[in-house]
Amino acid sequence: MGVSRLGLLIEVMRSVEERVFQDGGSMICVRRPETEEYIALDEHGTLFIYSSDSGYLSLCEQLGFENRENELLDAAPHWHVRPAHYKTQSRPFIKTLGLKHVR
């Protein structure tokens, strides 16, 4: 958990994309304080959007995402894979954004 400017968050995420998008052991949640809306990228690579703003649905459809419901990946046995150097990439990510671990 931490507070950061959006630009810094994007910059740091780009610098460790493998850590962010291929780490099967971590979840990243980003919340917009003024609206309390948030998105979460879970450890299975599923993006959750928590908002009542229909603009997000329109954007996802424009980007080619299908509006559907599927059984969640964690409902069945599965593997969690972590990049070989996830710990090395985690340190600057956590330090730069001033994050604290949340369970």
Protein backbone atom coordinates (compact mmCIF):
# COMPACT_ATOMS: atom_id res chain seq x y z
CA MET A 1 0.00 0.00 0.00
CA GLY A 2 1.27 3.48 -0.81
CA VAL A 3 0.42 6.82 -2.40
CA SER A 4 2.00 7.84 -5.69
CA ARG A 5 1.55 10.12 -8.65
CA LEU A 6 0.08 8.34 -11.68
CA GLY A 7 3.05 9.29 -13.88
CA LEU A 8 5.53 7.77 -11.44
CA LEU A 9 3.45 4.60 -11.13
CA ILE A 10 3.37 4.17 -14.92
CA GLU A 11 7.11 4.85 -15.19
CA VAL A 12 7.99 2.28 -12.53
CA MET A 13 5.60 -0.32 -13.96
CA ARG A 14 7.18 0.08 -17.40
CA SER A 15 10.65 -0.43 -15.92
CA VAL A 16 9.66 -3.83 -14.48
CA GLU A 17 6.94 -5.01 -16.89
CA GLU A 18 7.87 -8.68 -16.48
CA ARG A 19 7.42 -8.34 -12.71
CA VAL A 20 4.08 -6.59 -13.09
CA PHE A 21 2.49 -8.65 -15.86
CA GLN A 22 4.00 -12.12 -15.44
CA ASP A 23 4.35 -12.59 -11.69
CA GLY A 24 2.06 -15.38 -10.57
CA GLY A 25 2.59 -14.55 -6.91
CA SER A 26 1.53 -10.91 -6.56
CA MET A 27 -1.50 -8.71 -7.07
CA ILE A 28 -1.39 -5.02 -7.90
CA CYS A 29 -4.31 -2.75 -7.01
CA VAL A 30 -4.52 0.92 -8.00
CA ARG A 31 -7.22 3.11 -6.46
CA ARG A 32 -8.27 6.60 -7.43
CA PRO A 33 -8.77 8.33 -4.05
CA GLU A 34 -11.22 10.97 -5.21
CA THR A 35 -13.70 8.44 -6.66
CA GLU A 36 -12.74 5.27 -4.72
CA GLU A 37 -12.71 3.40 -8.06
CA TYR A 38 -9.92 0.91 -8.49
CA ILE A 39 -8.42 -1.68 -10.76
CA ALA A 40 -6.67 -4.86 -9.72
CA LEU A 41 -4.34 -7.06 -11.72
CA ASP A 42 -4.36 -10.38 -9.90
CA GLU A 43 -1.75 -13.11 -9.75
CA HIS A 44 -3.50 -14.92 -12.63
CA GLY A 45 -3.28 -11.95 -15.01
CA THR A 46 -6.97 -11.12 -14.68
CA LEU A 47 -7.77 -7.41 -14.69
CA PHE A 48 -10.68 -6.39 -12.47
CA ILE A 49 -12.24 -2.94 -12.82
CA TYR A 50 -14.28 -1.78 -9.84
CA SER A 51 -16.33 1.17 -11.05
CA SER A 52 -19.90 2.03 -11.91
CA ASP A 53 -18.70 4.36 -14.70
CA SER A 54 -19.83 2.81 -18.02
CA GLY A 55 -16.91 4.59 -19.72
CA TYR A 56 -14.63 1.75 -18.60
CA LEU A 57 -16.85 -0.81 -20.34
CA SER A 58 -16.82 1.27 -23.53
CA LEU A 59 -13.04 1.60 -23.39
CA CYS A 60 -12.55 -2.14 -22.88
CA GLU A 61 -14.86 -2.89 -25.83
CA GLN A 62 -12.95 -0.38 -28.02
CA LEU A 63 -9.72 -2.17 -27.08
CA GLY A 64 -11.20 -5.48 -28.22
CA PHE A 65 -11.98 -7.10 -24.87
CA GLU A 66 -15.09 -9.26 -24.74
CA ASN A 67 -17.76 -8.54 -22.12
CA ARG A 68 -18.20 -12.02 -20.65
CA GLU A 69 -18.13 -14.02 -17.47
CA ASN A 70 -15.91 -17.06 -17.10
CA GLU A 71 -15.09 -19.44 -14.29
CA LEU A 72 -12.18 -17.98 -12.35
CA LEU A 73 -8.80 -19.62 -12.89
CA ASP A 74 -8.35 -20.27 -9.21
CA ALA A 75 -11.51 -22.39 -9.13
CA ALA A 76 -9.46 -25.33 -10.46
CA PRO A 77 -5.96 -26.65 -9.76
CA HIS A 78 -3.31 -24.47 -11.41
CA TRP A 79 0.32 -23.33 -11.22
CA HIS A 80 1.72 -19.99 -10.09
CA VAL A 81 4.88 -19.07 -11.98
CA ARG A 82 7.20 -16.25 -10.94
CA PRO A 83 9.86 -14.63 -13.14
CA ALA A 84 13.38 -15.79 -12.29
CA HIS A 85 14.42 -12.37 -10.98
CA TYR A 86 11.16 -11.15 -9.44
CA LYS A 87 12.81 -10.39 -6.08
CA THR A 88 15.44 -8.19 -7.74
CA GLN A 89 12.74 -6.29 -9.65
CA SER A 90 10.51 -6.01 -6.58
CA ARG A 91 12.93 -4.01 -4.47
CA PRO A 92 13.13 -0.84 -6.65
CA PHE A 93 9.39 -1.09 -7.42
CA ILE A 94 8.51 -1.14 -3.72
CA LYS A 95 11.12 1.46 -2.71
CA THR A 96 10.37 3.99 -5.48
CA LEU A 97 6.62 3.89 -4.84
CA GLY A 98 7.00 3.75 -1.05
CA LEU A 99 4.82 0.64 -0.82
CA LYS A 100 3.98 -1.37 2.26
CA HIS A 101 2.86 -5.01 2.25
CA VAL A 102 -0.89 -5.58 2.73
CA ARG A 103 -2.56 -8.94 3.41
